[in-house]
C-alpha atoms as a PDB file:
ATOM      1  CA  MET A   1       0.000   0.000   0.000  1.00  0.00           C
ATOM      2  CA  LYS A   2       1.402   3.396  -0.983  1.00  0.00           C
ATOM      3  CA  THR A   3       1.429   6.214   1.556  1.00  0.00           C
ATOM      4  CA  LYS A   4       2.437   9.857   1.472  1.00  0.00           C
ATOM      5  CA  LEU A   5       5.592  10.361   3.499  1.00  0.00           C
ATOM      6  CA  GLY A   6       5.419  14.132   3.631  1.00  0.00           C
ATOM      7  CA  VAL A   7       8.462  16.420   3.796  1.00  0.00           C
ATOM      8  CA  MET A   8       9.637  15.266   7.250  1.00  0.00           C
ATOM      9  CA  GLY A   9       9.175  11.624   6.277  1.00  0.00           C
ATOM     10  CA  LEU A  10      11.263  12.066   3.126  1.00  0.00           C
ATOM     11  CA  LEU A  11      14.007  13.844   5.078  1.00  0.00           C
ATOM     12  CA  THR A  12      14.037  11.094   7.703  1.00  0.00           C
ATOM     13  CA  ALA A  13      14.206   8.361   5.064  1.00  0.00           C
ATOM     14  CA  ALA A  14      17.028  10.139   3.266  1.00  0.00           C
ATOM     15  CA  PHE A  15      18.898  10.624   6.534  1.00  0.00           C
ATOM     16  CA  LEU A  16      18.598   6.971   7.547  1.00  0.00           C
ATOM     17  CA  SER A  17      19.664   5.755   4.129  1.00  0.00           C
ATOM     18  CA  SER A  18      22.796   7.898   4.370  1.00  0.00           C
ATOM     19  CA  GLN A  19      24.011   6.036   7.479  1.00  0.00           C
ATOM     20  CA  SER A  20      26.778   3.500   6.975  1.00  0.00           C
ATOM     21  CA  TYR A  21      27.193   0.263   8.838  1.00  0.00           C
ATOM     22  CA  ALA A  22      29.859   0.618  11.516  1.00  0.00           C
ATOM     23  CA  ALA A  23      32.651  -1.833  12.158  1.00  0.00           C
ATOM     24  CA  SER A  24      31.189  -4.790  14.011  1.00  0.00           C
ATOM     25  CA  LEU A  25      31.643  -4.607  17.774  1.00  0.00           C
ATOM     26  CA  CYS A  26      32.297  -7.926  19.517  1.00  0.00           C
ATOM     27  CA  PRO A  27      29.717  -9.060  22.095  1.00  0.00           C
ATOM     28  CA  LYS A  28      30.611  -8.067  25.645  1.00  0.00           C
ATOM     29  CA  PHE A  29      31.057 -10.680  28.332  1.00  0.00           C
ATOM     30  CA  VAL A  30      27.785 -11.273  30.198  1.00  0.00           C
ATOM     31  CA  PRO A  31      28.400 -12.603  33.727  1.00  0.00           C
ATOM     32  CA  TYR A  32      26.078 -15.230  35.161  1.00  0.00           C
ATOM     33  CA  THR A  33      24.148 -14.380  38.328  1.00  0.00           C
ATOM     34  CA  ASP A  34      21.689 -16.437  40.380  1.00  0.00           C
ATOM     35  CA  GLY A  35      21.109 -14.497  43.593  1.00  0.00           C
ATOM     36  CA  CYS A  36      21.920 -16.005  46.992  1.00  0.00           C
ATOM     37  CA  THR A  37      22.519 -19.749  46.729  1.00  0.00           C
ATOM     38  CA  PHE A  38      24.459 -20.311  49.957  1.00  0.00           C
ATOM     39  CA  PRO A  39      23.003 -22.902  52.380  1.00  0.00           C
ATOM     40  CA  THR A  40      20.730 -21.988  55.278  1.00  0.00           C
ATOM     41  CA  ILE A  41      22.611 -20.962  58.428  1.00  0.00           C
ATOM     42  CA  ASP A  42      20.855 -21.569  61.760  1.00  0.00           C
ATOM     43  CA  GLY A  43      17.532 -21.573  59.934  1.00  0.00           C
ATOM     44  CA  VAL A  44      17.451 -17.786  59.539  1.00  0.00           C
ATOM     45  CA  THR A  45      19.005 -17.033  56.157  1.00  0.00           C
ATOM     46  CA  HIS A  46      15.959 -17.967  54.076  1.00  0.00           C
ATOM     47  CA  THR A  47      14.367 -14.528  54.562  1.00  0.00           C
ATOM     48  CA  LEU A  48      17.668 -12.686  54.215  1.00  0.00           C
ATOM     49  CA  LYS A  49      18.411 -14.317  50.861  1.00  0.00           C
ATOM     50  CA  SER A  50      15.812 -12.034  49.254  1.00  0.00           C
ATOM     51  CA  VAL A  51      17.154  -9.042  51.199  1.00  0.00           C
ATOM     52  CA  TRP A  52      20.683  -9.708  49.897  1.00  0.00           C
ATOM     53  CA  LYS A  53      19.780 -10.618  46.306  1.00  0.00           C
ATOM     54  CA  ASP A  54      21.549  -7.626  44.729  1.00  0.00           C
ATOM     55  CA  GLN A  55      24.614  -8.103  46.933  1.00  0.00           C
ATOM     56  CA  CYS A  56      24.802 -11.799  46.026  1.00  0.00           C
ATOM     57  CA  ASN A  57      24.529 -10.978  42.320  1.00  0.00           C
ATOM     58  CA  THR A  58      27.429  -8.549  42.704  1.00  0.00           C
ATOM     59  CA  HIS A  59      29.398 -11.374  44.343  1.00  0.00           C
ATOM     60  CA  ASP A  60      28.618 -13.641  41.378  1.00  0.00           C
ATOM     61  CA  ARG A  61      29.878 -10.950  38.994  1.00  0.00           C
ATOM     62  CA  ASN A  62      33.034 -10.408  41.063  1.00  0.00           C
ATOM     63  CA  TYR A  63      33.932 -14.097  40.776  1.00  0.00           C
ATOM     64  CA  GLN A  64      33.928 -13.404  37.024  1.00  0.00           C
ATOM     65  CA  VAL A  65      36.223 -10.370  37.194  1.00  0.00           C
ATOM     66  CA  LEU A  66      39.495 -11.678  35.809  1.00  0.00           C
ATOM     67  CA  GLY A  67      42.238 -11.477  38.427  1.00  0.00           C
ATOM     68  CA  LEU A  68      40.072 -10.427  41.372  1.00  0.00           C
ATOM     69  CA  SER A  69      40.919 -12.885  44.159  1.00  0.00           C
ATOM     70  CA  LYS A  70      38.342 -15.079  45.868  1.00  0.00           C
ATOM     71  CA  SER A  71      39.116 -13.571  49.264  1.00  0.00           C
ATOM     72  CA  ALA A  72      38.660 -10.039  47.906  1.00  0.00           C
ATOM     73  CA  ALA A  73      35.317 -10.950  46.296  1.00  0.00           C
ATOM     74  CA  ASP A  74      34.138 -12.616  49.518  1.00  0.00           C
ATOM     75  CA  ASP A  75      35.191  -9.605  51.625  1.00  0.00           C
ATOM     76  CA  ILE A  76      33.316  -7.254  49.290  1.00  0.00           C
ATOM     77  CA  LEU A  77      30.193  -9.394  49.717  1.00  0.00           C
ATOM     78  CA  TYR A  78      30.502  -9.249  53.515  1.00  0.00           C
ATOM     79  CA  SER A  79      30.839  -5.446  53.464  1.00  0.00           C
ATOM     80  CA  ASP A  80      27.901  -5.133  51.051  1.00  0.00           C
ATOM     81  CA  MET A  81      25.713  -7.377  53.205  1.00  0.00           C
ATOM     82  CA  LYS A  82      26.456  -5.368  56.357  1.00  0.00           C
ATOM     83  CA  ARG A  83      25.555  -2.118  54.575  1.00  0.00           C
ATOM     84  CA  ARG A  84      22.326  -3.714  53.413  1.00  0.00           C
ATOM     85  CA  CYS A  85      21.587  -4.760  57.021  1.00  0.00           C
ATOM     86  CA  ASP A  86      21.892  -1.109  58.056  1.00  0.00           C
ATOM     87  CA  SER A  87      19.592   0.102  55.270  1.00  0.00           C
ATOM     88  CA  LYS A  88      16.995  -2.636  55.830  1.00  0.00           C
ATOM     89  CA  PHE A  89      17.030  -2.744  59.648  1.00  0.00           C
ATOM     90  CA  ASN A  90      17.785   0.602  61.281  1.00  0.00           C
ATOM     91  CA  LYS A  91      20.297  -0.036  64.058  1.00  0.00           C
ATOM     92  CA  TRP A  92      18.567   2.510  66.313  1.00  0.00           C
ATOM     93  CA  LEU A  93      14.950   1.545  65.664  1.00  0.00           C
ATOM     94  CA  SER A  94      15.491  -2.195  65.172  1.00  0.00           C
ATOM     95  CA  PRO A  95      18.766  -3.021  66.935  1.00  0.00           C
ATOM     96  CA  GLY A  96      17.910  -6.704  67.394  1.00  0.00           C
ATOM     97  CA  LEU A  97      17.162  -7.321  63.721  1.00  0.00           C
ATOM     98  CA  ASN A  98      20.213  -5.299  62.678  1.00  0.00           C
ATOM     99  CA  TYR A  99      22.456  -7.353  64.963  1.00  0.00           C
ATOM    100  CA  SER A 100      20.978 -10.660  63.787  1.00  0.00           C
ATOM    101  CA  CYS A 101      21.327  -9.642  60.138  1.00  0.00           C
ATOM    102  CA  LYS A 102      25.024  -8.808  60.565  1.00  0.00           C
ATOM    103  CA  ALA A 103      25.623 -11.993  62.553  1.00  0.00           C
ATOM    104  CA  VAL A 104      24.257 -14.062  59.678  1.00  0.00           C
ATOM    105  CA  ALA A 105      26.352 -12.030  57.208  1.00  0.00           C
ATOM    106  CA  LYS A 106      29.432 -12.936  59.227  1.00  0.00           C
ATOM    107  CA  GLY A 107      28.363 -16.578  59.155  1.00  0.00           C
ATOM    108  CA  VAL A 108      28.051 -16.408  55.357  1.00  0.00           C
ATOM    109  CA  ARG A 109      31.553 -14.951  55.101  1.00  0.00           C
ATOM    110  CA  GLU A 110      33.004 -17.697  57.306  1.00  0.00           C
ATOM    111  CA  GLY A 111      31.129 -20.297  55.276  1.00  0.00           C
ATOM    112  CA  LEU A 112      32.556 -18.951  52.011  1.00  0.00           C
ATOM    113  CA  ARG A 113      36.069 -19.060  53.444  1.00  0.00           C
ATOM    114  CA  ALA A 114      35.641 -22.815  53.919  1.00  0.00           C
ATOM    115  CA  VAL A 115      34.520 -23.357  50.309  1.00  0.00           C
ATOM    116  CA  SER A 116      37.350 -24.494  48.020  1.00  0.00           C
ATOM    117  CA  SER A 117      38.281 -22.062  45.242  1.00  0.00           C
ATOM    118  CA  SER A 118      37.993 -24.942  42.770  1.00  0.00           C
ATOM    119  CA  GLU A 119      34.270 -25.308  43.478  1.00  0.00           C
ATOM    120  CA  TYR A 120      32.948 -21.983  42.156  1.00  0.00           C
ATOM    121  CA  TYR A 121      35.680 -19.381  41.919  1.00  0.00           C
ATOM    122  CA  LYS A 122      38.167 -21.048  39.573  1.00  0.00           C
ATOM    123  CA  PRO A 123      35.560 -22.311  37.065  1.00  0.00           C
ATOM    124  CA  ASN A 124      34.250 -18.741  36.789  1.00  0.00           C
ATOM    125  CA  GLN A 125      37.778 -17.363  36.338  1.00  0.00           C
ATOM    126  CA  ASN A 126      38.413 -19.971  33.640  1.00  0.00           C
ATOM    127  CA  SER A 127      35.231 -18.846  31.891  1.00  0.00           C
ATOM    128  CA  ILE A 128      36.302 -15.196  31.645  1.00  0.00           C
ATOM    129  CA  THR A 129      39.823 -16.232  30.603  1.00  0.00           C
ATOM    130  CA  SER A 130      38.393 -18.380  27.799  1.00  0.00           C
ATOM    131  CA  TYR A 131      36.240 -15.446  26.705  1.00  0.00           C
ATOM    132  CA  TYR A 132      39.274 -13.124  26.469  1.00  0.00           C
ATOM    133  CA  ARG A 133      41.345 -15.639  24.530  1.00  0.00           C
ATOM    134  CA  ASN A 134      38.537 -16.008  22.027  1.00  0.00           C
ATOM    135  CA  LEU A 135      38.017 -12.244  21.905  1.00  0.00           C
ATOM    136  CA  SER A 136      41.715 -11.599  21.274  1.00  0.00           C
ATOM    137  CA  ASP A 137      41.704 -14.018  18.325  1.00  0.00           C
ATOM    138  CA  LYS A 138      38.588 -12.403  16.822  1.00  0.00           C
ATOM    139  CA  VAL A 139      39.976  -8.882  17.155  1.00  0.00           C
ATOM    140  CA  GLU A 140      43.343  -9.873  15.706  1.00  0.00           C
ATOM    141  CA  SER A 141      41.543 -11.486  12.727  1.00  0.00           C
ATOM    142  CA  ASN A 142      39.331  -8.388  12.227  1.00  0.00           C
ATOM    143  CA  VAL A 143      36.169 -10.401  12.815  1.00  0.00           C
ATOM    144  CA  CYS A 144      34.989  -7.709  15.237  1.00  0.00           C
ATOM    145  CA  LYS A 145      36.459  -5.113  17.576  1.00  0.00           C
ATOM    146  CA  LEU A 146      36.320  -4.577  21.352  1.00  0.00           C
ATOM    147  CA  THR A 147      38.898  -3.213  23.788  1.00  0.00           C
ATOM    148  CA  VAL A 148      39.583  -4.483  27.302  1.00  0.00           C
ATOM    149  CA  GLU A 149      38.300  -1.177  28.687  1.00  0.00           C
ATOM    150  CA  ALA A 150      35.077  -1.280  26.658  1.00  0.00           C
ATOM    151  CA  ASN A 151      34.339  -4.829  27.800  1.00  0.00           C
ATOM    152  CA  GLY A 152      35.414  -4.638  31.449  1.00  0.00           C
ATOM    153  CA  SER A 153      35.430  -7.730  33.719  1.00  0.00           C
ATOM    154  CA  VAL A 154      39.176  -7.329  34.385  1.00  0.00           C
ATOM    155  CA  ASP A 155      40.535  -6.308  37.785  1.00  0.00           C
ATOM    156  CA  THR A 156      42.391  -2.993  37.830  1.00  0.00           C
ATOM    157  CA  SER A 157      45.443  -4.702  39.320  1.00  0.00           C
ATOM    158  CA  ILE A 158      45.788  -6.822  36.153  1.00  0.00           C
ATOM    159  CA  LEU A 159      45.641  -3.765  33.898  1.00  0.00           C
ATOM    160  CA  SER A 160      48.214  -1.979  36.089  1.00  0.00           C
ATOM    161  CA  ARG A 161      50.591  -4.938  35.862  1.00  0.00           C
ATOM    162  CA  ILE A 162      50.135  -5.130  32.089  1.00  0.00           C
ATOM    163  CA  LYS A 163      50.909  -1.441  31.585  1.00  0.00           C
ATOM    164  CA  SER A 164      53.833  -1.516  34.018  1.00  0.00           C
ATOM    165  CA  LYS A 165      55.496  -4.622  32.561  1.00  0.00           C
ATOM    166  CA  PHE A 166      54.992  -3.518  28.976  1.00  0.00           C
ATOM    167  CA  SER A 167      56.247   0.010  29.589  1.00  0.00           C
ATOM    168  CA  ALA A 168      59.358  -1.294  31.371  1.00  0.00           C
ATOM    169  CA  ALA A 169      60.207  -3.689  28.522  1.00  0.00           C
ATOM    170  CA  ALA A 170      59.082  -1.695  25.482  1.00  0.00           C
ATOM    171  CA  GLY A 171      59.383   1.942  26.553  1.00  0.00           C
ATOM    172  CA  ARG A 172      55.817   2.657  25.462  1.00  0.00           C
ATOM    173  CA  GLN A 173      52.238   1.794  26.400  1.00  0.00           C
ATOM    174  CA  PRO A 174      50.631  -1.303  24.839  1.00  0.00           C
ATOM    175  CA  THR A 175      48.126  -0.996  22.012  1.00  0.00           C
ATOM    176  CA  ALA A 176      44.573  -2.294  22.353  1.00  0.00           C
ATOM    177  CA  TYR A 177      45.614  -5.427  20.438  1.00  0.00           C
ATOM    178  CA  GLU A 178      48.560  -6.022  22.778  1.00  0.00           C
ATOM    179  CA  LYS A 179      46.485  -5.490  25.930  1.00  0.00           C
ATOM    180  CA  LEU A 180      44.031  -8.145  24.775  1.00  0.00           C
ATOM    181  CA  LYS A 181      46.873 -10.608  24.160  1.00  0.00           C
ATOM    182  CA  MET A 182      48.346  -9.931  27.601  1.00  0.00           C
ATOM    183  CA  VAL A 183      45.008 -10.264  29.389  1.00  0.00           C
ATOM    184  CA  ALA A 184      44.486 -13.591  27.598  1.00  0.00           C
ATOM    185  CA  LEU A 185      47.756 -14.898  29.103  1.00  0.00           C
ATOM    186  CA  TYR A 186      46.216 -14.887  32.582  1.00  0.00           C
ATOM    187  CA  ASP A 187      45.574 -18.297  34.157  1.00  0.00           C
ATOM    188  CA  VAL A 188      44.062 -18.546  37.647  1.00  0.00           C
ATOM    189  CA  ASN A 189      45.951 -21.823  38.146  1.00  0.00           C
ATOM    190  CA  ASN A 190      49.346 -20.149  37.695  1.00  0.00           C
ATOM    191  CA  SER A 191      51.252 -18.154  40.280  1.00  0.00           C
ATOM    192  CA  SER A 192      51.505 -14.371  40.181  1.00  0.00           C
ATOM    193  CA  SER A 193      55.230 -14.619  39.393  1.00  0.00           C
ATOM    194  CA  THR A 194      54.501 -16.892  36.410  1.00  0.00           C
ATOM    195  CA  TYR A 195      52.045 -14.382  34.966  1.00  0.00           C
ATOM    196  CA  ASP A 196      54.507 -11.527  35.502  1.00  0.00           C
ATOM    197  CA  TYR A 197      57.163 -13.507  33.633  1.00  0.00           C
ATOM    198  CA  GLN A 198      54.764 -14.164  30.743  1.00  0.00           C
ATOM    199  CA  LEU A 199      53.886 -10.475  30.570  1.00  0.00           C
ATOM    200  CA  SER A 200      57.544  -9.449  30.517  1.00  0.00           C
ATOM    201  CA  GLU A 201      58.408 -11.971  27.804  1.00  0.00           C
ATOM    202  CA  TYR A 202      55.476 -10.931  25.632  1.00  0.00           C
ATOM    203  CA  ALA A 203      56.368  -7.255  26.099  1.00  0.00           C
ATOM    204  CA  ARG A 204      60.021  -7.900  25.267  1.00  0.00           C
ATOM    205  CA  ILE A 205      59.079  -9.393  21.884  1.00  0.00           C
ATOM    206  CA  ALA A 206      56.052  -7.224  21.000  1.00  0.00           C
ATOM    207  CA  GLY A 207      57.881  -4.087  22.114  1.00  0.00           C
ATOM    208  CA  ARG A 208      60.171  -4.356  19.112  1.00  0.00           C
ATOM    209  CA  ASN A 209      57.272  -3.063  17.028  1.00  0.00           C
ATOM    210  CA  SER A 210      56.605   0.675  16.926  1.00  0.00           C
ATOM    211  CA  GLY A 211      52.996   0.564  18.111  1.00  0.00           C
ATOM    212  CA  PRO A 212      50.990   3.804  17.782  1.00  0.00           C
ATOM    213  CA  ILE A 213      48.772   4.996  20.626  1.00  0.00           C
ATOM    214  CA  ALA A 214      45.257   6.083  19.602  1.00  0.00           C
ATOM    215  CA  LYS A 215      43.781   8.976  21.586  1.00  0.00           C
ATOM    216  CA  VAL A 216      40.448  10.726  21.141  1.00  0.00           C
ATOM    217  CA  SER A 217      38.962  13.902  22.617  1.00  0.00           C
ATOM    218  CA  ASN A 218      35.536  15.474  22.229  1.00  0.00           C
ATOM    219  CA  ALA A 219      35.052  18.613  20.164  1.00  0.00           C
ATOM    220  CA  HIS A 220      31.228  18.682  20.039  1.00  0.00           C
ATOM    221  CA  PHE A 221      29.334  21.878  19.246  1.00  0.00           C
ATOM    222  CA  TYR A 222      25.527  22.138  19.621  1.00  0.00           C
ATOM    223  CA  ASN A 223      24.183  19.802  16.911  1.00  0.00           C
ATOM    224  CA  GLU A 224      27.587  18.768  15.539  1.00  0.00           C
ATOM    225  CA  TYR A 225      29.187  15.552  16.782  1.00  0.00           C
ATOM    226  CA  ARG A 226      32.980  15.907  16.555  1.00  0.00           C
ATOM    227  CA  LYS A 227      35.783  13.621  17.726  1.00  0.00           C
ATOM    228  CA  ASP A 228      39.429  14.665  17.468  1.00  0.00           C
ATOM    229  CA  ALA A 229      42.201  12.040  17.273  1.00  0.00           C
ATOM    230  CA  SER A 230      45.043  14.412  16.405  1.00  0.00           C
ATOM    231  CA  SER A 231      46.670  13.855  19.811  1.00  0.00           C
ATOM    232  CA  SER A 232      47.344  10.196  18.915  1.00  0.00           C
ATOM    233  CA  GLN A 233      51.007   9.202  19.209  1.00  0.00           C
ATOM    234  CA  GLY A 234      53.152   7.710  16.456  1.00  0.00           C
ATOM    235  CA  ILE A 235      54.998   8.518  13.228  1.00  0.00           C
ATOM    236  CA  GLY A 236      53.233   8.719   9.866  1.00  0.00           C
ATOM    237  CA  LEU A 237      49.794   8.123  11.322  1.00  0.00           C
ATOM    238  CA  THR A 238      46.729   7.394   9.221  1.00  0.00           C
ATOM    239  CA  TYR A 239      43.179   7.314  10.597  1.00  0.00           C
ATOM    240  CA  HIS A 240      40.118   5.246   9.823  1.00  0.00           C
ATOM    241  CA  TRP A 241      36.818   6.097  11.482  1.00  0.00           C
ATOM    242  CA  ASP A 242      34.097   3.507  10.944  1.00  0.00           C
ATOM    243  CA  LEU A 243      30.992   4.641  12.815  1.00  0.00           C
ATOM    244  CA  ASN A 244      27.299   3.988  12.323  1.00  0.00           C
ATOM    245  CA  TYR A 245      26.910   7.597  11.141  1.00  0.00           C
ATOM    246  CA  GLY A 246      29.721   7.604   8.620  1.00  0.00           C
ATOM    247  CA  THR A 247      33.386   6.936   7.881  1.00  0.00           C
ATOM    248  CA  SER A 248      36.388   9.231   7.629  1.00  0.00           C
ATOM    249  CA  SER A 249      40.141   9.084   6.991  1.00  0.00           C
ATOM    250  CA  SER A 250      40.781  12.445   8.670  1.00  0.00           C
ATOM    251  CA  SER A 251      42.087  12.868  12.222  1.00  0.00           C
ATOM    252  CA  ILE A 252      38.724  14.495  12.994  1.00  0.00           C
ATOM    253  CA  PHE A 253      35.340  12.845  12.581  1.00  0.00           C
ATOM    254  CA  SER A 254      32.424  15.248  12.203  1.00  0.00           C
ATOM    255  CA  LYS A 255      28.710  14.667  11.758  1.00  0.00           C
ATOM    256  CA  ARG A 256      26.065  17.380  11.918  1.00  0.00           C
ATOM    257  CA  PHE A 257      22.520  16.414  12.817  1.00  0.00           C
ATOM    258  CA  PHE A 258      19.444  18.279  11.635  1.00  0.00           C
ATOM    259  CA  ASN A 259      16.526  17.891  14.038  1.00  0.00           C
ATOM    260  CA  MET A 260      13.637  20.134  15.042  1.00  0.00           C
ATOM    261  CA  TYR A 261      13.921  19.291  18.749  1.00  0.00           C
ATOM    262  CA  ASN A 262      16.670  18.069  21.067  1.00  0.00           C
ATOM    263  CA  THR A 263      17.435  14.509  20.010  1.00  0.00           C
ATOM    264  CA  THR A 264      19.734  11.848  21.449  1.00  0.00           C
ATOM    265  CA  TYR A 265      21.764   9.789  18.980  1.00  0.00           C
ATOM    266  CA  TYR A 266      23.723   6.644  19.812  1.00  0.00           C
ATOM    267  CA  ILE A 267      27.144   6.567  18.175  1.00  0.00           C
ATOM    268  CA  LYS A 268      28.909   3.228  17.796  1.00  0.00           C
ATOM    269  CA  GLY A 269      31.960   2.037  15.923  1.00  0.00           C
ATOM    270  CA  VAL A 270      35.748   2.081  15.868  1.00  0.00           C
ATOM    271  CA  LEU A 271      38.637   4.449  15.273  1.00  0.00           C
ATOM    272  CA  GLU A 272      41.757   2.632  14.069  1.00  0.00           C
ATOM    273  CA  VAL A 273      45.113   4.399  13.906  1.00  0.00           C
ATOM    274  CA  THR A 274      47.979   2.969  11.816  1.00  0.00           C
ATOM    275  CA  ASP A 275      51.580   4.180  11.877  1.00  0.00           C
ATOM    276  CA  GLY A 276      54.178   4.232   9.123  1.00  0.00           C
ATOM    277  CA  ASN A 277      55.275   0.684   9.987  1.00  0.00           C
ATOM    278  CA  ARG A 278      51.708  -0.581   9.569  1.00  0.00           C
ATOM    279  CA  ASN A 279      51.310  -1.252  13.289  1.00  0.00           C
ATOM    280  CA  ARG A 280      47.828  -0.520  14.632  1.00  0.00           C
ATOM    281  CA  ASP A 281      45.885   0.632  17.658  1.00  0.00           C
ATOM    282  CA  PHE A 282      42.158   1.208  17.994  1.00  0.00           C
ATOM    283  CA  ILE A 283      39.517   2.769  20.219  1.00  0.00           C
ATOM    284  CA  VAL A 284      35.883   1.684  20.525  1.00  0.00           C
ATOM    285  CA  ILE A 285      33.286   4.455  20.246  1.00  0.00           C
ATOM    286  CA  ASP A 286      30.063   3.581  22.070  1.00  0.00           C
ATOM    287  CA  GLU A 287      28.268   6.624  23.451  1.00  0.00           C
ATOM    288  CA  SER A 288      25.284   8.922  23.192  1.00  0.00           C
ATOM    289  CA  PHE A 289      25.181  12.470  21.825  1.00  0.00           C
ATOM    290  CA  MET A 290      22.370  14.968  22.307  1.00  0.00           C
ATOM    291  CA  SER A 291      21.932  17.273  19.330  1.00  0.00           C
ATOM    292  CA  LYS A 292      20.330  20.632  20.078  1.00  0.00           C
ATOM    293  CA  GLY A 293      17.014  21.296  18.353  1.00  0.00           C
ATOM    294  CA  GLU A 294      17.052  23.614  15.358  1.00  0.00           C
ATOM    295  CA  CYS A 295      13.894  25.433  16.435  1.00  0.00           C
ATOM    296  CA  ALA A 296      13.015  24.391  20.008  1.00  0.00           C
ATOM    297  CA  PRO A 297      14.210  22.018  22.757  1.00  0.00           C
ATOM    298  CA  ASN A 298      11.062  19.851  22.690  1.00  0.00           C
ATOM    299  CA  PRO A 299       7.585  19.705  21.084  1.00  0.00           C
ATOM    300  CA  SER A 300       6.032  21.651  23.976  1.00  0.00           C
ATOM    301  CA  PHE A 301       7.703  24.801  22.619  1.00  0.00           C
ATOM    302  CA  GLU A 302       6.550  26.422  19.399  1.00  0.00           C
ATOM    303  CA  CYS A 303       9.062  26.364  16.569  1.00  0.00           C
ATOM    304  CA  PHE A 304      10.116  29.668  15.008  1.00  0.00           C
END
């Protein structure tokens, strides 16, 4: 059935057809959560399991943060549960319930300390390690793109060790490709010293390459989305922006939006920077941008 689009409809159709498909972003790691599954303690935890659901889910996610120790994850849970006791049972108005809640929380912590790391913790660590090894291979093969920072699920201590070891061996910061490779070397079954050795060896070899460093800053103006990569480091740099609202080979990506009212756009894609030795670094763009309305902020105001 034919319909009349009208002027605005034609403009919208033309605008949508002008969009390009952005570089494919790899799926992010989705941690598994199942609430509080610890056994009943003294017959009183059944009610508190629903009270602590969010805190238990955070604990599940922390077991799947690569490099975060079991003891650290368990301690975070204990602190979270105690805070929840205070918010649920006011220690001044309901001191008995508050005390009982915290006593059970302590019992949960002691119970978790007795649970072997091989029962829950290590299988979850192996799962996130397997994900990163697969992700690194996909990114290296240009199947899709995703940085460690954009994905998350890596403890800050691991990223600090990676940057420190690589900088010491190579005299520069690692590229996004190199960080993925170094994260994928982690194995919960190996000692900390073994991982440090692997990082140093990888950095010693990879550091022979020049390796550019991609950097991006915002330069937005009203209804113009602008990203500036001119501060990127390296010799003979070339740029390739591949976003869902266009591509560019300039150091600056710019897209102006034409909309009657304030409108939020979701910008996704990748900036890849290549140096004169054909070594690469990339940054994932995944953000929102609000373009100011051409005639009014919203439909409740008359356009002029």
